Amino acid sequence: MLNHILILSATHDHDHGHGVLQEAWEIFTDPGHFLAEVGFTLIIDFVVIFLGYQLLVKRVVIPRLRKQIHRELDTELGVSKEQHDEHHGEGKS
């Protein structure tokens, strides 16, 4: 069905006298459109990847994993909370 629609739309002319596939090709090869797509892609990638990594991974995920790993190792090695605090300089003065 999709092929049928594409064939019909490609053979019928639109307002500009071009088929859908020809219009799509013109948009795809337009330098201005290409630069806009690249620009938006770079902006979105910067926001999602860089800021997302900085905010979520470094400030939320890694600290939680460190605490969980410390608890598991303390349990496995039989280290009490007091021993752990003294070893890491967190004991009472």
PDB file of N, CA and C in Angstrom:
ATOM      1  N   MET A   1       0.821  -1.182   0.000  1.00  0.00           N
ATOM      2  CA  MET A   1       0.000   0.000   0.000  1.00  0.00           C
ATOM      3  C   MET A   1       0.872   1.256   0.000  1.00  0.00           C
ATOM      4  N   LEU A   2       1.944   1.251   0.808  1.00  0.00           N
ATOM      5  CA  LEU A   2       2.828   2.405   0.853  1.00  0.00           C
ATOM      6  C   LEU A   2       3.477   2.640  -0.504  1.00  0.00           C
ATOM      7  N   ASN A   3       3.890   1.568  -1.174  1.00  0.00           N
ATOM      8  CA  ASN A   3       4.478   1.718  -2.506  1.00  0.00           C
ATOM      9  C   ASN A   3       3.476   2.326  -3.483  1.00  0.00           C
ATOM     10  N   HIS A   4       2.246   1.912  -3.379  1.00  0.00           N
ATOM     11  CA  HIS A   4       1.195   2.436  -4.249  1.00  0.00           C
ATOM     12  C   HIS A   4       1.020   3.941  -4.029  1.00  0.00           C
ATOM     13  N   ILE A   5       1.031   4.372  -2.771  1.00  0.00           N
ATOM     14  CA  ILE A   5       0.887   5.794  -2.442  1.00  0.00           C
ATOM     15  C   ILE A   5       2.084   6.576  -2.963  1.00  0.00           C
ATOM     16  N   LEU A   6       3.284   6.038  -2.785  1.00  0.00           N
ATOM     17  CA  LEU A   6       4.478   6.727  -3.268  1.00  0.00           C
ATOM     18  C   LEU A   6       4.481   6.848  -4.784  1.00  0.00           C
ATOM     19  N   ILE A   7       4.064   5.805  -5.465  1.00  0.00           N
ATOM     20  CA  ILE A   7       4.032   5.841  -6.925  1.00  0.00           C
ATOM     21  C   ILE A   7       3.002   6.863  -7.405  1.00  0.00           C
ATOM     22  N   LEU A   8       1.814   6.846  -6.792  1.00  0.00           N
ATOM     23  CA  LEU A   8       0.783   7.812  -7.186  1.00  0.00           C
ATOM     24  C   LEU A   8       1.225   9.242  -6.902  1.00  0.00           C
ATOM     25  N   SER A   9       1.809   9.470  -5.717  1.00  0.00           N
ATOM     26  CA  SER A   9       2.208  10.822  -5.371  1.00  0.00           C
ATOM     27  C   SER A   9       3.392  11.280  -6.214  1.00  0.00           C
ATOM     28  N   ALA A  10       4.225  10.361  -6.636  1.00  0.00           N
ATOM     29  CA  ALA A  10       5.364  10.728  -7.463  1.00  0.00           C
ATOM     30  C   ALA A  10       4.929  11.047  -8.886  1.00  0.00           C
ATOM     31  N   THR A  11       3.852  10.435  -9.345  1.00  0.00           N
ATOM     32  CA  THR A  11       3.409  10.676 -10.710  1.00  0.00           C
ATOM     33  C   THR A  11       2.487  11.880 -10.822  1.00  0.00           C
ATOM     34  N   HIS A  12       1.799  12.248  -9.737  1.00  0.00           N
ATOM     35  CA  HIS A  12       0.931  13.418  -9.762  1.00  0.00           C
ATOM     36  C   HIS A  12       1.734  14.654  -9.432  1.00  0.00           C
ATOM     37  N   ASP A  13       1.448  15.724 -10.129  1.00  0.00           N
ATOM     38  CA  ASP A  13       2.165  16.975  -9.881  1.00  0.00           C
ATOM     39  C   ASP A  13       1.499  17.728  -8.745  1.00  0.00           C
ATOM     40  N   HIS A  14       2.325  18.449  -7.980  1.00  0.00           N
ATOM     41  CA  HIS A  14       1.823  19.282  -6.897  1.00  0.00           C
ATOM     42  C   HIS A  14       1.815  20.727  -7.361  1.00  0.00           C
ATOM     43  N   ASP A  15       1.718  21.644  -6.421  1.00  0.00           N
ATOM     44  CA  ASP A  15       1.613  23.074  -6.737  1.00  0.00           C
ATOM     45  C   ASP A  15       2.780  23.574  -7.583  1.00  0.00           C
ATOM     46  N   HIS A  16       3.956  23.057  -7.359  1.00  0.00           N
ATOM     47  CA  HIS A  16       5.148  23.540  -8.048  1.00  0.00           C
ATOM     48  C   HIS A  16       5.447  22.750  -9.316  1.00  0.00           C
ATOM     49  N   GLY A  17       4.628  21.814  -9.654  1.00  0.00           N
ATOM     50  CA  GLY A  17       4.864  21.035 -10.851  1.00  0.00           C
ATOM     51  C   GLY A  17       5.863  19.915 -10.662  1.00  0.00           C
ATOM     52  N   HIS A  18       6.150  19.525  -9.426  1.00  0.00           N
ATOM     53  CA  HIS A  18       7.112  18.449  -9.143  1.00  0.00           C
ATOM     54  C   HIS A  18       6.402  17.328  -8.404  1.00  0.00           C
ATOM     55  N   GLY A  19       6.935  16.138  -8.547  1.00  0.00           N
ATOM     56  CA  GLY A  19       6.439  15.017  -7.760  1.00  0.00           C
ATOM     57  C   GLY A  19       7.004  15.068  -6.356  1.00  0.00           C
ATOM     58  N   VAL A  20       6.431  14.280  -5.476  1.00  0.00           N
ATOM     59  CA  VAL A  20       6.866  14.255  -4.077  1.00  0.00           C
ATOM     60  C   VAL A  20       8.327  13.831  -3.972  1.00  0.00           C
ATOM     61  N   LEU A  21       8.716  12.833  -4.717  1.00  0.00           N
ATOM     62  CA  LEU A  21      10.097  12.354  -4.643  1.00  0.00           C
ATOM     63  C   LEU A  21      11.073  13.406  -5.159  1.00  0.00           C
ATOM     64  N   GLN A  22      10.691  14.120  -6.193  1.00  0.00           N
ATOM     65  CA  GLN A  22      11.565  15.162  -6.708  1.00  0.00           C
ATOM     66  C   GLN A  22      11.667  16.317  -5.707  1.00  0.00           C
ATOM     67  N   GLU A  23      10.561  16.677  -5.076  1.00  0.00           N
ATOM     68  CA  GLU A  23      10.589  17.724  -4.049  1.00  0.00           C
ATOM     69  C   GLU A  23      11.439  17.290  -2.858  1.00  0.00           C
ATOM     70  N   ALA A  24      11.298  16.045  -2.464  1.00  0.00           N
ATOM     71  CA  ALA A  24      12.099  15.535  -1.350  1.00  0.00           C
ATOM     72  C   ALA A  24      13.580  15.569  -1.700  1.00  0.00           C
ATOM     73  N   TRP A  25      13.923  15.208  -2.936  1.00  0.00           N
ATOM     74  CA  TRP A  25      15.327  15.245  -3.357  1.00  0.00           C
ATOM     75  C   TRP A  25      15.867  16.671  -3.363  1.00  0.00           C
ATOM     76  N   GLU A  26      15.055  17.628  -3.796  1.00  0.00           N
ATOM     77  CA  GLU A  26      15.483  19.031  -3.795  1.00  0.00           C
ATOM     78  C   GLU A  26      15.713  19.533  -2.372  1.00  0.00           C
ATOM     79  N   ILE A  27      14.851  19.150  -1.451  1.00  0.00           N
ATOM     80  CA  ILE A  27      15.044  19.541  -0.048  1.00  0.00           C
ATOM     81  C   ILE A  27      16.300  18.887   0.511  1.00  0.00           C
ATOM     82  N   PHE A  28      16.481  17.615   0.179  1.00  0.00           N
ATOM     83  CA  PHE A  28      17.632  16.868   0.685  1.00  0.00           C
ATOM     84  C   PHE A  28      18.941  17.462   0.187  1.00  0.00           C
ATOM     85  N   THR A  29      18.973  17.923  -1.052  1.00  0.00           N
ATOM     86  CA  THR A  29      20.211  18.436  -1.637  1.00  0.00           C
ATOM     87  C   THR A  29      20.366  19.946  -1.465  1.00  0.00           C
ATOM     88  N   ASP A  30      19.411  20.627  -0.858  1.00  0.00           N
ATOM     89  CA  ASP A  30      19.499  22.073  -0.641  1.00  0.00           C
ATOM     90  C   ASP A  30      20.577  22.364   0.401  1.00  0.00           C
ATOM     91  N   PRO A  31      21.598  23.175   0.072  1.00  0.00           N
ATOM     92  CA  PRO A  31      22.679  23.445   1.026  1.00  0.00           C
ATOM     93  C   PRO A  31      22.197  24.115   2.313  1.00  0.00           C
ATOM     94  N   GLY A  32      21.244  25.011   2.207  1.00  0.00           N
ATOM     95  CA  GLY A  32      20.725  25.674   3.404  1.00  0.00           C
ATOM     96  C   GLY A  32      20.046  24.700   4.347  1.00  0.00           C
ATOM     97  N   HIS A  33      19.265  23.796   3.790  1.00  0.00           N
ATOM     98  CA  HIS A  33      18.587  22.790   4.604  1.00  0.00           C
ATOM     99  C   HIS A  33      19.600  21.853   5.241  1.00  0.00           C
ATOM    100  N   PHE A  34      20.609  21.487   4.470  1.00  0.00           N
ATOM    101  CA  PHE A  34      21.650  20.599   4.991  1.00  0.00           C
ATOM    102  C   PHE A  34      22.382  21.243   6.162  1.00  0.00           C
ATOM    103  N   LEU A  35      22.762  22.523   6.012  1.00  0.00           N
ATOM    104  CA  LEU A  35      23.462  23.219   7.098  1.00  0.00           C
ATOM    105  C   LEU A  35      22.580  23.360   8.331  1.00  0.00           C
ATOM    106  N   ALA A  36      21.288  23.610   8.124  1.00  0.00           N
ATOM    107  CA  ALA A  36      20.374  23.710   9.265  1.00  0.00           C
ATOM    108  C   ALA A  36      20.285  22.373   9.997  1.00  0.00           C
ATOM    109  N   GLU A  37      20.194  21.284   9.263  1.00  0.00           N
ATOM    110  CA  GLU A  37      20.128  19.951   9.880  1.00  0.00           C
ATOM    111  C   GLU A  37      21.399  19.640  10.663  1.00  0.00           C
ATOM    112  N   VAL A  38      22.548  19.964  10.087  1.00  0.00           N
ATOM    113  CA  VAL A  38      23.818  19.718  10.778  1.00  0.00           C
ATOM    114  C   VAL A  38      23.895  20.572  12.042  1.00  0.00           C
ATOM    115  N   GLY A  39      23.494  21.836  11.926  1.00  0.00           N
ATOM    116  CA  GLY A  39      23.519  22.722  13.083  1.00  0.00           C
ATOM    117  C   GLY A  39      22.625  22.233  14.206  1.00  0.00           C
ATOM    118  N   PHE A  40      21.392  21.864  13.865  1.00  0.00           N
ATOM    119  CA  PHE A  40      20.477  21.359  14.891  1.00  0.00           C
ATOM    120  C   PHE A  40      20.993  20.055  15.495  1.00  0.00           C
ATOM    121  N   THR A  41      21.574  19.220  14.676  1.00  0.00           N
ATOM    122  CA  THR A  41      22.116  17.958  15.189  1.00  0.00           C
ATOM    123  C   THR A  41      23.236  18.220  16.184  1.00  0.00           C
ATOM    124  N   LEU A  42      24.138  19.148  15.861  1.00  0.00           N
ATOM    125  CA  LEU A  42      25.230  19.460  16.781  1.00  0.00           C
ATOM    126  C   LEU A  42      24.713  20.055  18.082  1.00  0.00           C
ATOM    127  N   ILE A  43      23.731  20.933  17.988  1.00  0.00           N
ATOM    128  CA  ILE A  43      23.172  21.549  19.197  1.00  0.00           C
ATOM    129  C   ILE A  43      22.499  20.498  20.065  1.00  0.00           C
ATOM    130  N   ILE A  44      21.665  19.672  19.471  1.00  0.00           N
ATOM    131  CA  ILE A  44      20.959  18.637  20.227  1.00  0.00           C
ATOM    132  C   ILE A  44      21.952  17.651  20.834  1.00  0.00           C
ATOM    133  N   ASP A  45      22.950  17.244  20.046  1.00  0.00           N
ATOM    134  CA  ASP A  45      23.948  16.311  20.573  1.00  0.00           C
ATOM    135  C   ASP A  45      24.701  16.922  21.743  1.00  0.00           C
ATOM    136  N   PHE A  46      25.053  18.197  21.654  1.00  0.00           N
ATOM    137  CA  PHE A  46      25.757  18.858  22.754  1.00  0.00           C
ATOM    138  C   PHE A  46      24.886  18.858  24.001  1.00  0.00           C
ATOM    139  N   VAL A  47      23.634  19.243  23.852  1.00  0.00           N
ATOM    140  CA  VAL A  47      22.746  19.340  25.006  1.00  0.00           C
ATOM    141  C   VAL A  47      22.514  17.966  25.618  1.00  0.00           C
ATOM    142  N   VAL A  48      22.183  17.004  24.791  1.00  0.00           N
ATOM    143  CA  VAL A  48      21.820  15.685  25.305  1.00  0.00           C
ATOM    144  C   VAL A  48      23.036  14.934  25.828  1.00  0.00           C
ATOM    145  N   ILE A  49      24.074  14.897  25.047  1.00  0.00           N
ATOM    146  CA  ILE A  49      25.220  14.072  25.432  1.00  0.00           C
ATOM    147  C   ILE A  49      26.089  14.757  26.485  1.00  0.00           C
ATOM    148  N   PHE A  50      26.541  15.973  26.222  1.00  0.00           N
ATOM    149  CA  PHE A  50      27.478  16.615  27.139  1.00  0.00           C
ATOM    150  C   PHE A  50      26.805  17.010  28.448  1.00  0.00           C
ATOM    151  N   LEU A  51      25.732  17.770  28.359  1.00  0.00           N
ATOM    152  CA  LEU A  51      25.077  18.218  29.583  1.00  0.00           C
ATOM    153  C   LEU A  51      24.399  17.050  30.304  1.00  0.00           C
ATOM    154  N   GLY A  52      23.819  16.134  29.549  1.00  0.00           N
ATOM    155  CA  GLY A  52      23.211  14.965  30.171  1.00  0.00           C
ATOM    156  C   GLY A  52      24.235  14.130  30.911  1.00  0.00           C
ATOM    157  N   TYR A  53      25.406  13.975  30.325  1.00  0.00           N
ATOM    158  CA  TYR A  53      26.469  13.230  30.995  1.00  0.00           C
ATOM    159  C   TYR A  53      26.920  13.964  32.249  1.00  0.00           C
ATOM    160  N   GLN A  54      27.141  15.271  32.117  1.00  0.00           N
ATOM    161  CA  GLN A  54      27.607  16.057  33.259  1.00  0.00           C
ATOM    162  C   GLN A  54      26.608  16.029  34.407  1.00  0.00           C
ATOM    163  N   LEU A  55      25.341  16.190  34.094  1.00  0.00           N
ATOM    164  CA  LEU A  55      24.331  16.286  35.146  1.00  0.00           C
ATOM    165  C   LEU A  55      23.917  14.932  35.695  1.00  0.00           C
ATOM    166  N   LEU A  56      23.646  13.992  34.813  1.00  0.00           N
ATOM    167  CA  LEU A  56      23.109  12.715  35.281  1.00  0.00           C
ATOM    168  C   LEU A  56      24.185  11.728  35.698  1.00  0.00           C
ATOM    169  N   VAL A  57      25.120  11.475  34.821  1.00  0.00           N
ATOM    170  CA  VAL A  57      26.092  10.416  35.085  1.00  0.00           C
ATOM    171  C   VAL A  57      27.061  10.825  36.184  1.00  0.00           C
ATOM    172  N   LYS A  58      27.667  11.996  36.048  1.00  0.00           N
ATOM    173  CA  LYS A  58      28.693  12.386  37.013  1.00  0.00           C
ATOM    174  C   LYS A  58      28.120  12.774  38.374  1.00  0.00           C
ATOM    175  N   ARG A  59      26.926  13.331  38.414  1.00  0.00           N
ATOM    176  CA  ARG A  59      26.389  13.822  39.681  1.00  0.00           C
ATOM    177  C   ARG A  59      25.378  12.891  40.337  1.00  0.00           C
ATOM    178  N   VAL A  60      24.818  11.956  39.585  1.00  0.00           N
ATOM    179  CA  VAL A  60      23.793  11.078  40.163  1.00  0.00           C
ATOM    180  C   VAL A  60      24.236   9.617  40.127  1.00  0.00           C
ATOM    181  N   VAL A  61      24.567   9.117  38.952  1.00  0.00           N
ATOM    182  CA  VAL A  61      24.821   7.685  38.781  1.00  0.00           C
ATOM    183  C   VAL A  61      26.118   7.248  39.453  1.00  0.00           C
ATOM    184  N   ILE A  62      27.209   7.937  39.181  1.00  0.00           N
ATOM    185  CA  ILE A  62      28.511   7.517  39.725  1.00  0.00           C
ATOM    186  C   ILE A  62      28.542   7.570  41.257  1.00  0.00           C
ATOM    187  N   PRO A  63      28.054   8.655  41.901  1.00  0.00           N
ATOM    188  CA  PRO A  63      28.054   8.632  43.373  1.00  0.00           C
ATOM    189  C   PRO A  63      27.209   7.499  43.962  1.00  0.00           C
ATOM    190  N   ARG A  64      26.073   7.208  43.363  1.00  0.00           N
ATOM    191  CA  ARG A  64      25.247   6.097  43.864  1.00  0.00           C
ATOM    192  C   ARG A  64      25.960   4.767  43.706  1.00  0.00           C
ATOM    193  N   LEU A  65      26.622   4.577  42.567  1.00  0.00           N
ATOM    194  CA  LEU A  65      27.359   3.332  42.361  1.00  0.00           C
ATOM    195  C   LEU A  65      28.508   3.200  43.351  1.00  0.00           C
ATOM    196  N   ARG A  66      29.210   4.302  43.620  1.00  0.00           N
ATOM    197  CA  ARG A  66      30.312   4.250  44.595  1.00  0.00           C
ATOM    198  C   ARG A  66      29.806   3.845  45.974  1.00  0.00           C
ATOM    199  N   LYS A  67      28.698   4.449  46.416  1.00  0.00           N
ATOM    200  CA  LYS A  67      28.145   4.108  47.731  1.00  0.00           C
ATOM    201  C   LYS A  67      27.716   2.650  47.772  1.00  0.00           C
ATOM    202  N   GLN A  68      27.077   2.181  46.709  1.00  0.00           N
ATOM    203  CA  GLN A  68      26.619   0.790  46.668  1.00  0.00           C
ATOM    204  C   GLN A  68      27.816  -0.166  46.687  1.00  0.00           C
ATOM    205  N   ILE A  69      28.852   0.141  45.920  1.00  0.00           N
ATOM    206  CA  ILE A  69      30.036  -0.718  45.880  1.00  0.00           C
ATOM    207  C   ILE A  69      30.719  -0.732  47.241  1.00  0.00           C
ATOM    208  N   HIS A  70      30.825   0.446  47.886  1.00  0.00           N
ATOM    209  CA  HIS A  70      31.432   0.500  49.224  1.00  0.00           C
ATOM    210  C   HIS A  70      30.644  -0.352  50.217  1.00  0.00           C
ATOM    211  N   ARG A  71      29.303  -0.243  50.181  1.00  0.00           N
ATOM    212  CA  ARG A  71      28.489  -1.047  51.104  1.00  0.00           C
ATOM    213  C   ARG A  71      28.691  -2.534  50.860  1.00  0.00           C
ATOM    214  N   GLU A  72      28.696  -2.940  49.594  1.00  0.00           N
ATOM    215  CA  GLU A  72      28.867  -4.361  49.276  1.00  0.00           C
ATOM    216  C   GLU A  72      30.239  -4.864  49.704  1.00  0.00           C
ATOM    217  N   LEU A  73      31.283  -4.073  49.464  1.00  0.00           N
ATOM    218  CA  LEU A  73      32.624  -4.489  49.879  1.00  0.00           C
ATOM    219  C   LEU A  73      32.752  -4.534  51.395  1.00  0.00           C
ATOM    220  N   ASP A  74      32.174  -3.536  52.090  1.00  0.00           N
ATOM    221  CA  ASP A  74      32.216  -3.540  53.547  1.00  0.00           C
ATOM    222  C   ASP A  74      31.510  -4.767  54.102  1.00  0.00           C
ATOM    223  N   THR A  75      30.371  -5.116  53.509  1.00  0.00           N
ATOM    224  CA  THR A  75      29.638  -6.296  53.956  1.00  0.00           C
ATOM    225  C   THR A  75      30.440  -7.565  53.674  1.00  0.00           C
ATOM    226  N   GLU A  76      31.000  -7.651  52.498  1.00  0.00           N
ATOM    227  CA  GLU A  76      31.760  -8.837  52.110  1.00  0.00           C
ATOM    228  C   GLU A  76      33.014  -9.010  52.951  1.00  0.00           C
ATOM    229  N   LEU A  77      33.678  -7.913  53.275  1.00  0.00           N
ATOM    230  CA  LEU A  77      34.924  -7.982  54.041  1.00  0.00           C
ATOM    231  C   LEU A  77      34.708  -7.911  55.542  1.00  0.00           C
ATOM    232  N   GLY A  78      33.472  -7.695  55.956  1.00  0.00           N
ATOM    233  CA  GLY A  78      33.158  -7.667  57.371  1.00  0.00           C
ATOM    234  C   GLY A  78      33.601  -6.398  58.068  1.00  0.00           C
ATOM    235  N   VAL A  79      33.614  -5.299  57.370  1.00  0.00           N
ATOM    236  CA  VAL A  79      34.014  -4.016  57.956  1.00  0.00           C
ATOM    237  C   VAL A  79      32.767  -3.350  58.528  1.00  0.00           C
ATOM    238  N   SER A  80      32.873  -2.923  59.805  1.00  0.00           N
ATOM    239  CA  SER A  80      31.731  -2.249  60.423  1.00  0.00           C
ATOM    240  C   SER A  80      31.728  -0.773  60.019  1.00  0.00           C
ATOM    241  N   LYS A  81      30.628  -0.102  60.297  1.00  0.00           N
ATOM    242  CA  LYS A  81      30.488   1.313  59.974  1.00  0.00           C
ATOM    243  C   LYS A  81      31.545   2.136  60.704  1.00  0.00           C
ATOM    244  N   GLU A  82      31.815   1.821  61.959  1.00  0.00           N
ATOM    245  CA  GLU A  82      32.799   2.569  62.733  1.00  0.00           C
ATOM    246  C   GLU A  82      34.206   2.391  62.157  1.00  0.00           C
ATOM    247  N   GLN A  83      34.564   1.154  61.818  1.00  0.00           N
ATOM    248  CA  GLN A  83      35.877   0.895  61.232  1.00  0.00           C
ATOM    249  C   GLN A  83      36.028   1.633  59.903  1.00  0.00           C
ATOM    250  N   HIS A  84      34.978   1.639  59.125  1.00  0.00           N
ATOM    251  CA  HIS A  84      34.992   2.300  57.821  1.00  0.00           C
ATOM    252  C   HIS A  84      35.193   3.803  57.990  1.00  0.00           C
ATOM    253  N   ASP A  85      34.471   4.410  58.932  1.00  0.00           N
ATOM    254  CA  ASP A  85      34.584   5.847  59.166  1.00  0.00           C
ATOM    255  C   ASP A  85      35.974   6.230  59.669  1.00  0.00           C
ATOM    256  N   GLU A  86      36.545   5.416  60.574  1.00  0.00           N
ATOM    257  CA  GLU A  86      37.885   5.703  61.099  1.00  0.00           C
ATOM    258  C   GLU A  86      38.933   5.601  59.992  1.00  0.00           C
ATOM    259  N   HIS A  87      38.800   4.598  59.138  1.00  0.00           N
ATOM    260  CA  HIS A  87      39.768   4.385  58.068  1.00  0.00           C
ATOM    261  C   HIS A  87      39.732   5.533  57.058  1.00  0.00           C
ATOM    262  N   HIS A  88      38.568   6.099  56.826  1.00  0.00           N
ATOM    263  CA  HIS A  88      38.430   7.173  55.837  1.00  0.00           C
ATOM    264  C   HIS A  88      38.478   8.558  56.473  1.00  0.00           C
ATOM    265  N   GLY A  89      38.859   8.648  57.716  1.00  0.00           N
ATOM    266  CA  GLY A  89      39.007   9.937  58.363  1.00  0.00           C
ATOM    267  C   GLY A  89      37.694  10.610  58.718  1.00  0.00           C
ATOM    268  N   GLU A  90      36.648   9.816  58.874  1.00  0.00           N
ATOM    269  CA  GLU A  90      35.329  10.375  59.179  1.00  0.00           C
ATOM    270  C   GLU A  90      34.927  10.100  60.625  1.00  0.00           C
ATOM    271  N   GLY A  91      35.890   9.690  61.440  1.00  0.00           N
ATOM    272  CA  GLY A  91      35.593   9.384  62.844  1.00  0.00           C
ATOM    273  C   GLY A  91      35.347  10.639  63.651  1.00  0.00           C
ATOM    274  N   LYS A  92      34.800  10.447  64.852  1.00  0.00           N
ATOM    275  CA  LYS A  92      34.525  11.580  65.740  1.00  0.00           C
ATOM    276  C   LYS A  92      35.823  12.058  66.356  1.00  0.00           C
ATOM    277  N   SER A  93      35.946  13.371  66.490  1.00  0.00           N
ATOM    278  CA  SER A  93      37.160  13.941  67.072  1.00  0.00           C
ATOM    279  C   SER A  93      36.999  14.180  68.544  1.00  0.00           C
TER     280      SER A  93
END
